[in-house]
PDB file of N, CA and C in Angstrom:
ATOM      1  N   MET A   1     -40.817  62.499 -90.679  1.00  0.00           N
ATOM      2  CA  MET A   1     -40.741  63.860 -90.205  1.00  0.00           C
ATOM      3  C   MET A   1     -40.632  64.764 -91.423  1.00  0.00           C
ATOM      4  N   PRO A   2     -41.469  65.771 -91.545  1.00  0.00           N
ATOM      5  CA  PRO A   2     -41.383  66.654 -92.701  1.00  0.00           C
ATOM      6  C   PRO A   2     -40.120  67.491 -92.660  1.00  0.00           C
ATOM      7  N   ALA A   3     -39.653  67.840 -93.841  1.00  0.00           N
ATOM      8  CA  ALA A   3     -38.458  68.686 -93.936  1.00  0.00           C
ATOM      9  C   ALA A   3     -38.762  70.045 -93.334  1.00  0.00           C
ATOM     10  N   ARG A   4     -37.745  70.670 -92.817  1.00  0.00           N
ATOM     11  CA  ARG A   4     -37.890  72.006 -92.259  1.00  0.00           C
ATOM     12  C   ARG A   4     -38.164  73.017 -93.353  1.00  0.00           C
ATOM     13  N   SER A   5     -38.645  74.152 -92.965  1.00  0.00           N
ATOM     14  CA  SER A   5     -38.879  75.239 -93.908  1.00  0.00           C
ATOM     15  C   SER A   5     -37.582  75.599 -94.610  1.00  0.00           C
ATOM     16  N   ALA A   6     -37.704  76.003 -95.860  1.00  0.00           N
ATOM     17  CA  ALA A   6     -36.519  76.389 -96.630  1.00  0.00           C
ATOM     18  C   ALA A   6     -35.822  77.591 -96.003  1.00  0.00           C
ATOM     19  N   LYS A   7     -36.519  78.348 -95.161  1.00  0.00           N
ATOM     20  CA  LYS A   7     -35.926  79.532 -94.539  1.00  0.00           C
ATOM     21  C   LYS A   7     -34.985  79.157 -93.400  1.00  0.00           C
ATOM     22  N   SER A   8     -35.234  78.025 -92.744  1.00  0.00           N
ATOM     23  CA  SER A   8     -34.364  77.638 -91.639  1.00  0.00           C
ATOM     24  C   SER A   8     -33.195  76.818 -92.169  1.00  0.00           C
ATOM     25  N   SER A   9     -32.145  76.791 -91.397  1.00  0.00           N
ATOM     26  CA  SER A   9     -30.951  76.056 -91.803  1.00  0.00           C
ATOM     27  C   SER A   9     -30.350  75.409 -90.569  1.00  0.00           C
ATOM     28  N   VAL A  10     -29.770  74.252 -90.765  1.00  0.00           N
ATOM     29  CA  VAL A  10     -29.093  73.564 -89.676  1.00  0.00           C
ATOM     30  C   VAL A  10     -27.646  73.336 -90.111  1.00  0.00           C
ATOM     31  N   SER A  11     -26.738  73.400 -89.151  1.00  0.00           N
ATOM     32  CA  SER A  11     -25.321  73.226 -89.447  1.00  0.00           C
ATOM     33  C   SER A  11     -24.811  71.983 -88.728  1.00  0.00           C
ATOM     34  N   PHE A  12     -24.105  71.143 -89.466  1.00  0.00           N
ATOM     35  CA  PHE A  12     -23.497  69.946 -88.912  1.00  0.00           C
ATOM     36  C   PHE A  12     -22.015  69.944 -89.253  1.00  0.00           C
ATOM     37  N   GLY A  13     -21.253  69.199 -88.471  1.00  0.00           N
ATOM     38  CA  GLY A  13     -19.841  69.003 -88.771  1.00  0.00           C
ATOM     39  C   GLY A  13     -19.661  67.831 -89.718  1.00  0.00           C
ATOM     40  N   LEU A  14     -18.639  67.914 -90.544  1.00  0.00           N
ATOM     41  CA  LEU A  14     -18.298  66.853 -91.492  1.00  0.00           C
ATOM     42  C   LEU A  14     -16.851  66.444 -91.250  1.00  0.00           C
ATOM     43  N   ASP A  15     -16.651  65.169 -91.012  1.00  0.00           N
ATOM     44  CA  ASP A  15     -15.313  64.626 -90.827  1.00  0.00           C
ATOM     45  C   ASP A  15     -15.196  63.380 -91.695  1.00  0.00           C
ATOM     46  N   ARG A  16     -13.979  62.992 -91.977  1.00  0.00           N
ATOM     47  CA  ARG A  16     -13.718  61.800 -92.779  1.00  0.00           C
ATOM     48  C   ARG A  16     -12.817  60.860 -91.983  1.00  0.00           C
ATOM     49  N   LEU A  17     -13.126  59.567 -92.077  1.00  0.00           N
ATOM     50  CA  LEU A  17     -12.369  58.556 -91.353  1.00  0.00           C
ATOM     51  C   LEU A  17     -12.009  57.438 -92.322  1.00  0.00           C
ATOM     52  N   SER A  18     -10.717  57.163 -92.448  1.00  0.00           N
ATOM     53  CA  SER A  18     -10.274  56.049 -93.295  1.00  0.00           C
ATOM     54  C   SER A  18     -10.587  54.738 -92.590  1.00  0.00           C
ATOM     55  N   THR A  19     -11.216  53.822 -93.321  1.00  0.00           N
ATOM     56  CA  THR A  19     -11.543  52.502 -92.796  1.00  0.00           C
ATOM     57  C   THR A  19     -11.056  51.463 -93.806  1.00  0.00           C
ATOM     58  N   PRO A  20     -11.038  50.201 -93.431  1.00  0.00           N
ATOM     59  CA  PRO A  20     -10.616  49.165 -94.381  1.00  0.00           C
ATOM     60  C   PRO A  20     -11.530  49.041 -95.602  1.00  0.00           C
ATOM     61  N   ILE A  21     -12.743  49.582 -95.528  1.00  0.00           N
ATOM     62  CA  ILE A  21     -13.666  49.453 -96.663  1.00  0.00           C
ATOM     63  C   ILE A  21     -13.959  50.780 -97.351  1.00  0.00           C
ATOM     64  N   GLY A  22     -13.220  51.803 -97.013  1.00  0.00           N
ATOM     65  CA  GLY A  22     -13.395  53.091 -97.679  1.00  0.00           C
ATOM     66  C   GLY A  22     -13.367  54.242 -96.698  1.00  0.00           C
ATOM     67  N   ILE A  23     -13.576  55.426 -97.231  1.00  0.00           N
ATOM     68  CA  ILE A  23     -13.586  56.644 -96.416  1.00  0.00           C
ATOM     69  C   ILE A  23     -15.004  56.862 -95.887  1.00  0.00           C
ATOM     70  N   ALA A  24     -15.144  56.873 -94.564  1.00  0.00           N
ATOM     71  CA  ALA A  24     -16.439  57.120 -93.937  1.00  0.00           C
ATOM     72  C   ALA A  24     -16.621  58.617 -93.731  1.00  0.00           C
ATOM     73  N   LEU A  25     -17.813  59.104 -94.033  1.00  0.00           N
ATOM     74  CA  LEU A  25     -18.184  60.488 -93.766  1.00  0.00           C
ATOM     75  C   LEU A  25     -18.952  60.503 -92.451  1.00  0.00           C
ATOM     76  N   LEU A  26     -18.474  61.265 -91.484  1.00  0.00           N
ATOM     77  CA  LEU A  26     -19.098  61.350 -90.173  1.00  0.00           C
ATOM     78  C   LEU A  26     -19.752  62.714 -90.039  1.00  0.00           C
ATOM     79  N   ILE A  27     -21.049  62.731 -89.861  1.00  0.00           N
ATOM     80  CA  ILE A  27     -21.795  63.972 -89.707  1.00  0.00           C
ATOM     81  C   ILE A  27     -22.193  64.081 -88.241  1.00  0.00           C
ATOM     82  N   THR A  28     -21.786  65.165 -87.595  1.00  0.00           N
ATOM     83  CA  THR A  28     -22.063  65.344 -86.174  1.00  0.00           C
ATOM     84  C   THR A  28     -22.730  66.685 -85.925  1.00  0.00           C
ATOM     85  N   ASP A  29     -23.501  66.737 -84.832  1.00  0.00           N
ATOM     86  CA  ASP A  29     -24.127  67.996 -84.457  1.00  0.00           C
ATOM     87  C   ASP A  29     -23.236  68.736 -83.456  1.00  0.00           C
ATOM     88  N   ALA A  30     -23.695  69.894 -83.015  1.00  0.00           N
ATOM     89  CA  ALA A  30     -22.892  70.738 -82.123  1.00  0.00           C
ATOM     90  C   ALA A  30     -22.609  70.053 -80.786  1.00  0.00           C
ATOM     91  N   GLU A  31     -23.481  69.118 -80.380  1.00  0.00           N
ATOM     92  CA  GLU A  31     -23.284  68.405 -79.119  1.00  0.00           C
ATOM     93  C   GLU A  31     -22.399  67.172 -79.281  1.00  0.00           C
ATOM     94  N   GLY A  32     -21.954  66.885 -80.492  1.00  0.00           N
ATOM     95  CA  GLY A  32     -21.077  65.744 -80.729  1.00  0.00           C
ATOM     96  C   GLY A  32     -21.791  64.437 -80.996  1.00  0.00           C
ATOM     97  N   HIS A  33     -23.106  64.487 -81.247  1.00  0.00           N
ATOM     98  CA  HIS A  33     -23.852  63.279 -81.601  1.00  0.00           C
ATOM     99  C   HIS A  33     -23.657  62.964 -83.077  1.00  0.00           C
ATOM    100  N   LEU A  34     -23.535  61.691 -83.383  1.00  0.00           N
ATOM    101  CA  LEU A  34     -23.480  61.247 -84.775  1.00  0.00           C
ATOM    102  C   LEU A  34     -24.870  61.404 -85.375  1.00  0.00           C
ATOM    103  N   ARG A  35     -24.971  62.167 -86.453  1.00  0.00           N
ATOM    104  CA  ARG A  35     -26.260  62.383 -87.118  1.00  0.00           C
ATOM    105  C   ARG A  35     -26.381  61.598 -88.408  1.00  0.00           C
ATOM    106  N   ALA A  36     -25.253  61.244 -89.009  1.00  0.00           N
ATOM    107  CA  ALA A  36     -25.249  60.436 -90.237  1.00  0.00           C
ATOM    108  C   ALA A  36     -23.860  59.848 -90.415  1.00  0.00           C
ATOM    109  N   LEU A  37     -23.821  58.690 -91.048  1.00  0.00           N
ATOM    110  CA  LEU A  37     -22.566  58.069 -91.451  1.00  0.00           C
ATOM    111  C   LEU A  37     -22.815  57.489 -92.835  1.00  0.00           C
ATOM    112  N   ASP A  38     -21.976  57.865 -93.769  1.00  0.00           N
ATOM    113  CA  ASP A  38     -22.087  57.340 -95.128  1.00  0.00           C
ATOM    114  C   ASP A  38     -20.682  57.237 -95.684  1.00  0.00           C
ATOM    115  N   TRP A  39     -20.578  56.891 -96.923  1.00  0.00           N
ATOM    116  CA  TRP A  39     -19.285  56.663 -97.553  1.00  0.00           C
ATOM    117  C   TRP A  39     -18.986  57.755 -98.553  1.00  0.00           C
ATOM    118  N   ASP A  40     -17.718  58.063 -98.683  1.00  0.00           N
ATOM    119  CA  ASP A  40     -17.242  59.120 -99.570  1.00  0.00           C
ATOM    120  C   ASP A  40     -17.830  58.985-100.979  1.00  0.00           C
ATOM    121  N   ASP A  41     -17.948  57.754-101.455  1.00  0.00           N
ATOM    122  CA  ASP A  41     -18.500  57.520-102.794  1.00  0.00           C
ATOM    123  C   ASP A  41     -19.964  57.936-102.903  1.00  0.00           C
ATOM    124  N   TYR A  42     -20.649  58.092-101.773  1.00  0.00           N
ATOM    125  CA  TYR A  42     -22.083  58.393-101.765  1.00  0.00           C
ATOM    126  C   TYR A  42     -22.388  59.740-101.112  1.00  0.00           C
ATOM    127  N   GLU A  43     -21.420  60.647-101.149  1.00  0.00           N
ATOM    128  CA  GLU A  43     -21.616  61.938-100.482  1.00  0.00           C
ATOM    129  C   GLU A  43     -22.818  62.690-101.041  1.00  0.00           C
ATOM    130  N   HIS A  44     -23.004  62.657-102.345  1.00  0.00           N
ATOM    131  CA  HIS A  44     -24.136  63.376-102.940  1.00  0.00           C
ATOM    132  C   HIS A  44     -25.462  62.843-102.383  1.00  0.00           C
ATOM    133  N   ARG A  45     -25.595  61.520-102.328  1.00  0.00           N
ATOM    134  CA  ARG A  45     -26.814  60.908-101.788  1.00  0.00           C
ATOM    135  C   ARG A  45     -27.016  61.303-100.326  1.00  0.00           C
ATOM    136  N   MET A  46     -25.935  61.279 -99.541  1.00  0.00           N
ATOM    137  CA  MET A  46     -26.029  61.623 -98.136  1.00  0.00           C
ATOM    138  C   MET A  46     -26.516  63.059 -97.957  1.00  0.00           C
ATOM    139  N   ARG A  47     -25.959  63.966 -98.748  1.00  0.00           N
ATOM    140  CA  ARG A  47     -26.386  65.368 -98.654  1.00  0.00           C
ATOM    141  C   ARG A  47     -27.868  65.517 -98.990  1.00  0.00           C
ATOM    142  N   GLU A  48     -28.337  64.776 -99.983  1.00  0.00           N
ATOM    143  CA  GLU A  48     -29.750  64.838-100.350  1.00  0.00           C
ATOM    144  C   GLU A  48     -30.631  64.281 -99.233  1.00  0.00           C
ATOM    145  N   LEU A  49     -30.215  63.190 -98.621  1.00  0.00           N
ATOM    146  CA  LEU A  49     -30.990  62.634 -97.511  1.00  0.00           C
ATOM    147  C   LEU A  49     -31.010  63.582 -96.311  1.00  0.00           C
ATOM    148  N   LEU A  50     -29.897  64.228 -96.028  1.00  0.00           N
ATOM    149  CA  LEU A  50     -29.876  65.221 -94.952  1.00  0.00           C
ATOM    150  C   LEU A  50     -30.845  66.357 -95.256  1.00  0.00           C
ATOM    151  N   ARG A  51     -30.869  66.796 -96.506  1.00  0.00           N
ATOM    152  CA  ARG A  51     -31.785  67.875 -96.906  1.00  0.00           C
ATOM    153  C   ARG A  51     -33.235  67.433 -96.724  1.00  0.00           C
ATOM    154  N   LEU A  52     -33.549  66.207 -97.107  1.00  0.00           N
ATOM    155  CA  LEU A  52     -34.920  65.717 -96.970  1.00  0.00           C
ATOM    156  C   LEU A  52     -35.353  65.647 -95.509  1.00  0.00           C
ATOM    157  N   HIS A  53     -34.433  65.302 -94.622  1.00  0.00           N
ATOM    158  CA  HIS A  53     -34.770  65.183 -93.202  1.00  0.00           C
ATOM    159  C   HIS A  53     -34.723  66.506 -92.450  1.00  0.00           C
ATOM    160  N   HIS A  54     -33.842  67.405 -92.859  1.00  0.00           N
ATOM    161  CA  HIS A  54     -33.595  68.605 -92.058  1.00  0.00           C
ATOM    162  C   HIS A  54     -33.854  69.919 -92.781  1.00  0.00           C
ATOM    163  N   GLY A  55     -34.132  69.903 -94.066  1.00  0.00           N
ATOM    164  CA  GLY A  55     -34.241  71.142 -94.824  1.00  0.00           C
ATOM    165  C   GLY A  55     -32.850  71.591 -95.237  1.00  0.00           C
ATOM    166  N   ALA A  56     -32.637  72.880 -95.245  1.00  0.00           N
ATOM    167  CA  ALA A  56     -31.326  73.410 -95.641  1.00  0.00           C
ATOM    168  C   ALA A  56     -30.274  72.980 -94.618  1.00  0.00           C
ATOM    169  N   VAL A  57     -29.224  72.341 -95.099  1.00  0.00           N
ATOM    170  CA  VAL A  57     -28.162  71.839 -94.227  1.00  0.00           C
ATOM    171  C   VAL A  57     -26.835  72.406 -94.693  1.00  0.00           C
ATOM    172  N   GLU A  58     -26.085  72.934 -93.752  1.00  0.00           N
ATOM    173  CA  GLU A  58     -24.721  73.389 -94.028  1.00  0.00           C
ATOM    174  C   GLU A  58     -23.768  72.411 -93.351  1.00  0.00           C
ATOM    175  N   LEU A  59     -22.849  71.855 -94.128  1.00  0.00           N
ATOM    176  CA  LEU A  59     -21.831  70.962 -93.578  1.00  0.00           C
ATOM    177  C   LEU A  59     -20.517  71.714 -93.508  1.00  0.00           C
ATOM    178  N   ARG A  60     -19.959  71.783 -92.316  1.00  0.00           N
ATOM    179  CA  ARG A  60     -18.680  72.465 -92.107  1.00  0.00           C
ATOM    180  C   ARG A  60     -17.636  71.438 -91.706  1.00  0.00           C
ATOM    181  N   ASP A  61     -16.448  71.582 -92.255  1.00  0.00           N
ATOM    182  CA  ASP A  61     -15.361  70.689 -91.856  1.00  0.00           C
ATOM    183  C   ASP A  61     -15.120  70.868 -90.361  1.00  0.00           C
ATOM    184  N   ARG A  62     -15.342  69.796 -89.600  1.00  0.00           N
ATOM    185  CA  ARG A  62     -15.142  69.834 -88.151  1.00  0.00           C
ATOM    186  C   ARG A  62     -14.851  68.411 -87.693  1.00  0.00           C
ATOM    187  N   PRO A  63     -13.784  68.227 -86.945  1.00  0.00           N
ATOM    188  CA  PRO A  63     -13.457  66.873 -86.476  1.00  0.00           C
ATOM    189  C   PRO A  63     -14.579  66.291 -85.617  1.00  0.00           C
ATOM    190  N   ALA A  64     -14.873  65.034 -85.838  1.00  0.00           N
ATOM    191  CA  ALA A  64     -15.802  64.313 -84.965  1.00  0.00           C
ATOM    192  C   ALA A  64     -15.117  64.116 -83.616  1.00  0.00           C
ATOM    193  N   PRO A  65     -15.887  63.906 -82.559  1.00  0.00           N
ATOM    194  CA  PRO A  65     -15.270  63.669 -81.252  1.00  0.00           C
ATOM    195  C   PRO A  65     -14.268  62.509 -81.309  1.00  0.00           C
ATOM    196  N   THR A  66     -13.182  62.659 -80.583  1.00  0.00           N
ATOM    197  CA  THR A  66     -12.125  61.652 -80.574  1.00  0.00           C
ATOM    198  C   THR A  66     -12.658  60.278 -80.181  1.00  0.00           C
ATOM    199  N   GLY A  67     -13.522  60.235 -79.174  1.00  0.00           N
ATOM    200  CA  GLY A  67     -14.083  58.956 -78.736  1.00  0.00           C
ATOM    201  C   GLY A  67     -14.873  58.259 -79.830  1.00  0.00           C
ATOM    202  N   MET A  68     -15.576  59.032 -80.634  1.00  0.00           N
ATOM    203  CA  MET A  68     -16.350  58.471 -81.741  1.00  0.00           C
ATOM    204  C   MET A  68     -15.422  57.895 -82.801  1.00  0.00           C
ATOM    205  N   ARG A  69     -14.393  58.651 -83.141  1.00  0.00           N
ATOM    206  CA  ARG A  69     -13.438  58.181 -84.147  1.00  0.00           C
ATOM    207  C   ARG A  69     -12.742  56.899 -83.666  1.00  0.00           C
ATOM    208  N   THR A  70     -12.364  56.889 -82.389  1.00  0.00           N
ATOM    209  CA  THR A  70     -11.700  55.717 -81.821  1.00  0.00           C
ATOM    210  C   THR A  70     -12.628  54.506 -81.831  1.00  0.00           C
ATOM    211  N   ALA A  71     -13.880  54.705 -81.412  1.00  0.00           N
ATOM    212  CA  ALA A  71     -14.842  53.596 -81.385  1.00  0.00           C
ATOM    213  C   ALA A  71     -15.064  53.032 -82.783  1.00  0.00           C
ATOM    214  N   LEU A  72     -15.197  53.893 -83.775  1.00  0.00           N
ATOM    215  CA  LEU A  72     -15.407  53.413 -85.145  1.00  0.00           C
ATOM    216  C   LEU A  72     -14.170  52.684 -85.668  1.00  0.00           C
ATOM    217  N   SER A  73     -12.990  53.209 -85.372  1.00  0.00           N
ATOM    218  CA  SER A  73     -11.764  52.528 -85.802  1.00  0.00           C
ATOM    219  C   SER A  73     -11.660  51.147 -85.163  1.00  0.00           C
ATOM    220  N   ARG A  74     -11.978  51.059 -83.883  1.00  0.00           N
ATOM    221  CA  ARG A  74     -11.936  49.763 -83.194  1.00  0.00           C
ATOM    222  C   ARG A  74     -12.992  48.810 -83.748  1.00  0.00           C
ATOM    223  N   TYR A  75     -14.158  49.354 -84.094  1.00  0.00           N
ATOM    224  CA  TYR A  75     -15.198  48.527 -84.715  1.00  0.00           C
ATOM    225  C   TYR A  75     -14.663  47.881 -85.991  1.00  0.00           C
ATOM    226  N   PHE A  76     -14.006  48.672 -86.817  1.00  0.00           N
ATOM    227  CA  PHE A  76     -13.475  48.136 -88.069  1.00  0.00           C
ATOM    228  C   PHE A  76     -12.266  47.227 -87.843  1.00  0.00           C
ATOM    229  N   ASP A  77     -11.701  47.274 -86.637  1.00  0.00           N
ATOM    230  CA  ASP A  77     -10.638  46.329 -86.272  1.00  0.00           C
ATOM    231  C   ASP A  77     -11.212  45.040 -85.679  1.00  0.00           C
ATOM    232  N   GLY A  78     -12.537  44.950 -85.616  1.00  0.00           N
ATOM    233  CA  GLY A  78     -13.175  43.730 -85.141  1.00  0.00           C
ATOM    234  C   GLY A  78     -13.846  43.811 -83.785  1.00  0.00           C
ATOM    235  N   GLU A  79     -13.726  44.942 -83.093  1.00  0.00           N
ATOM    236  CA  GLU A  79     -14.367  45.096 -81.783  1.00  0.00           C
ATOM    237  C   GLU A  79     -15.790  45.616 -81.992  1.00  0.00           C
ATOM    238  N   LEU A  80     -16.696  44.715 -82.364  1.00  0.00           N
ATOM    239  CA  LEU A  80     -18.038  45.101 -82.787  1.00  0.00           C
ATOM    240  C   LEU A  80     -18.841  45.817 -81.709  1.00  0.00           C
ATOM    241  N   SER A  81     -18.572  45.540 -80.452  1.00  0.00           N
ATOM    242  CA  SER A  81     -19.327  46.173 -79.367  1.00  0.00           C
ATOM    243  C   SER A  81     -19.028  47.663 -79.230  1.00  0.00           C
ATOM    244  N   GLN A  82     -18.020  48.165 -79.916  1.00  0.00           N
ATOM    245  CA  GLN A  82     -17.646  49.579 -79.809  1.00  0.00           C
ATOM    246  C   GLN A  82     -18.761  50.515 -80.275  1.00  0.00           C
ATOM    247  N   LEU A  83     -19.631  50.055 -81.162  1.00  0.00           N
ATOM    248  CA  LEU A  83     -20.706  50.925 -81.649  1.00  0.00           C
ATOM    249  C   LEU A  83     -21.647  51.359 -80.531  1.00  0.00           C
ATOM    250  N   ALA A  84     -21.768  50.547 -79.492  1.00  0.00           N
ATOM    251  CA  ALA A  84     -22.677  50.864 -78.389  1.00  0.00           C
ATOM    252  C   ALA A  84     -22.278  52.147 -77.666  1.00  0.00           C
ATOM    253  N   GLY A  85     -21.023  52.534 -77.735  1.00  0.00           N
ATOM    254  CA  GLY A  85     -20.556  53.722 -77.033  1.00  0.00           C
ATOM    255  C   GLY A  85     -20.673  55.014 -77.820  1.00  0.00           C
ATOM    256  N   ILE A  86     -21.219  54.956 -79.023  1.00  0.00           N
ATOM    257  CA  ILE A  86     -21.320  56.158 -79.859  1.00  0.00           C
ATOM    258  C   ILE A  86     -22.651  56.849 -79.600  1.00  0.00           C
ATOM    259  N   ALA A  87     -22.577  58.127 -79.231  1.00  0.00           N
ATOM    260  CA  ALA A  87     -23.789  58.925 -79.035  1.00  0.00           C
ATOM    261  C   ALA A  87     -24.328  59.319 -80.406  1.00  0.00           C
ATOM    262  N   TRP A  88     -25.602  59.039 -80.653  1.00  0.00           N
ATOM    263  CA  TRP A  88     -26.183  59.352 -81.950  1.00  0.00           C
ATOM    264  C   TRP A  88     -27.589  59.914 -81.765  1.00  0.00           C
ATOM    265  N   ARG A  89     -28.036  60.603 -82.777  1.00  0.00           N
ATOM    266  CA  ARG A  89     -29.374  61.192 -82.776  1.00  0.00           C
ATOM    267  C   ARG A  89     -29.874  61.146 -84.214  1.00  0.00           C
ATOM    268  N   ILE A  90     -31.136  60.783 -84.394  1.00  0.00           N
ATOM    269  CA  ILE A  90     -31.680  60.678 -85.746  1.00  0.00           C
ATOM    270  C   ILE A  90     -32.911  61.551 -85.911  1.00  0.00           C
ATOM    271  N   ALA A  91     -33.189  61.884 -87.154  1.00  0.00           N
ATOM    272  CA  ALA A  91     -34.442  62.528 -87.517  1.00  0.00           C
ATOM    273  C   ALA A  91     -35.362  61.432 -88.035  1.00  0.00           C
ATOM    274  N   GLY A  92     -36.592  61.744 -88.239  1.00  0.00           N
ATOM    275  CA  GLY A  92     -37.532  60.776 -88.792  1.00  0.00           C
ATOM    276  C   GLY A  92     -38.835  60.796 -88.024  1.00  0.00           C
ATOM    277  N   THR A  93     -39.743  59.969 -88.470  1.00  0.00           N
ATOM    278  CA  THR A  93     -41.035  59.858 -87.801  1.00  0.00           C
ATOM    279  C   THR A  93     -40.837  59.177 -86.450  1.00  0.00           C
ATOM    280  N   PRO A  94     -41.803  59.296 -85.557  1.00  0.00           N
ATOM    281  CA  PRO A  94     -41.685  58.573 -84.287  1.00  0.00           C
ATOM    282  C   PRO A  94     -41.473  57.071 -84.497  1.00  0.00           C
ATOM    283  N   PHE A  95     -42.138  56.494 -85.495  1.00  0.00           N
ATOM    284  CA  PHE A  95     -41.949  55.073 -85.785  1.00  0.00           C
ATOM    285  C   PHE A  95     -40.509  54.791 -86.203  1.00  0.00           C
ATOM    286  N   GLN A  96     -39.957  55.600 -87.107  1.00  0.00           N
ATOM    287  CA  GLN A  96     -38.575  55.397 -87.553  1.00  0.00           C
ATOM    288  C   GLN A  96     -37.606  55.510 -86.382  1.00  0.00           C
ATOM    289  N   GLN A  97     -37.827  56.487 -85.523  1.00  0.00           N
ATOM    290  CA  GLN A  97     -36.953  56.655 -84.367  1.00  0.00           C
ATOM    291  C   GLN A  97     -37.044  55.443 -83.436  1.00  0.00           C
ATOM    292  N   LYS A  98     -38.255  54.918 -83.260  1.00  0.00           N
ATOM    293  CA  LYS A  98     -38.443  53.741 -82.409  1.00  0.00           C
ATOM    294  C   LYS A  98     -37.714  52.529 -82.998  1.00  0.00           C
ATOM    295  N   VAL A  99     -37.818  52.350 -84.308  1.00  0.00           N
ATOM    296  CA  VAL A  99     -37.158  51.218 -84.964  1.00  0.00           C
ATOM    297  C   VAL A  99     -35.645  51.325 -84.829  1.00  0.00           C
ATOM    298  N   TRP A 100     -35.073  52.495 -85.121  1.00  0.00           N
ATOM    299  CA  TRP A 100     -33.615  52.648 -85.036  1.00  0.00           C
ATOM    300  C   TRP A 100     -33.129  52.460 -83.600  1.00  0.00           C
ATOM    301  N   THR A 101     -33.899  52.951 -82.641  1.00  0.00           N
ATOM    302  CA  THR A 101     -33.517  52.767 -81.240  1.00  0.00           C
ATOM    303  C   THR A 101     -33.531  51.280 -80.877  1.00  0.00           C
ATOM    304  N   ALA A 102     -34.548  50.555 -81.332  1.00  0.00           N
ATOM    305  CA  ALA A 102     -34.618  49.112 -81.063  1.00  0.00           C
ATOM    306  C   ALA A 102     -33.475  48.369 -81.752  1.00  0.00           C
ATOM    307  N   LEU A 103     -33.177  48.716 -82.988  1.00  0.00           N
ATOM    308  CA  LEU A 103     -32.085  48.055 -83.707  1.00  0.00           C
ATOM    309  C   LEU A 103     -30.746  48.266 -83.008  1.00  0.00           C
ATOM    310  N   ALA A 104     -30.568  49.445 -82.437  1.00  0.00           N
ATOM    311  CA  ALA A 104     -29.301  49.747 -81.757  1.00  0.00           C
ATOM    312  C   ALA A 104     -29.119  48.907 -80.493  1.00  0.00           C
ATOM    313  N   GLN A 105     -30.196  48.344 -79.966  1.00  0.00           N
ATOM    314  CA  GLN A 105     -30.117  47.533 -78.748  1.00  0.00           C
ATOM    315  C   GLN A 105     -29.715  46.084 -79.025  1.00  0.00           C
ATOM    316  N   ILE A 106     -29.701  45.682 -80.288  1.00  0.00           N
ATOM    317  CA  ILE A 106     -29.339  44.305 -80.631  1.00  0.00           C
ATOM    318  C   ILE A 106     -27.825  44.151 -80.507  1.00  0.00           C
ATOM    319  N   PRO A 107     -27.366  43.229 -79.656  1.00  0.00           N
ATOM    320  CA  PRO A 107     -25.913  43.067 -79.502  1.00  0.00           C
ATOM    321  C   PRO A 107     -25.308  42.391 -80.728  1.00  0.00           C
ATOM    322  N   PRO A 108     -24.019  42.616 -80.962  1.00  0.00           N
ATOM    323  CA  PRO A 108     -23.368  41.932 -82.084  1.00  0.00           C
ATOM    324  C   PRO A 108     -23.328  40.424 -81.836  1.00  0.00           C
ATOM    325  N   ALA A 109     -23.326  39.683 -82.909  1.00  0.00           N
ATOM    326  CA  ALA A 109     -23.240  38.221 -82.804  1.00  0.00           C
ATOM    327  C   ALA A 109     -21.856  37.835 -82.292  1.00  0.00           C
ATOM    328  N   PRO A 110     -21.775  36.764 -81.522  1.00  0.00           N
ATOM    329  CA  PRO A 110     -20.457  36.306 -81.068  1.00  0.00           C
ATOM    330  C   PRO A 110     -19.600  35.905 -82.263  1.00  0.00           C
ATOM    331  N   ARG A 111     -18.318  36.106 -82.117  1.00  0.00           N
ATOM    332  CA  ARG A 111     -17.380  35.765 -83.205  1.00  0.00           C
ATOM    333  C   ARG A 111     -16.812  34.411 -82.993  1.00  0.00           C
TER     334      ARG A 111
END
């Protein structure tokens, strides 16, 4: 998907979640969908990828939905199926969107 015009801008919320493997950056849209998840150590890269997909992006400190935070915390506690309950939306080509949608349908391996 081509980047948006430099004249347009999109605003997303930015929240941080402590996990056993580092601080997760949660990027959400106004409807509460997860638009990106990356790690605090890679914030610069994440911002660049958001710019490439969306054009000008403004990130505002805004808590992610409670259900999303809870599901991610439970995932990191070992409840792998919790990811299925997270509402997400991606940018990209139709092919990329199809691939990510298919990948999301793969259940976690039994423990």
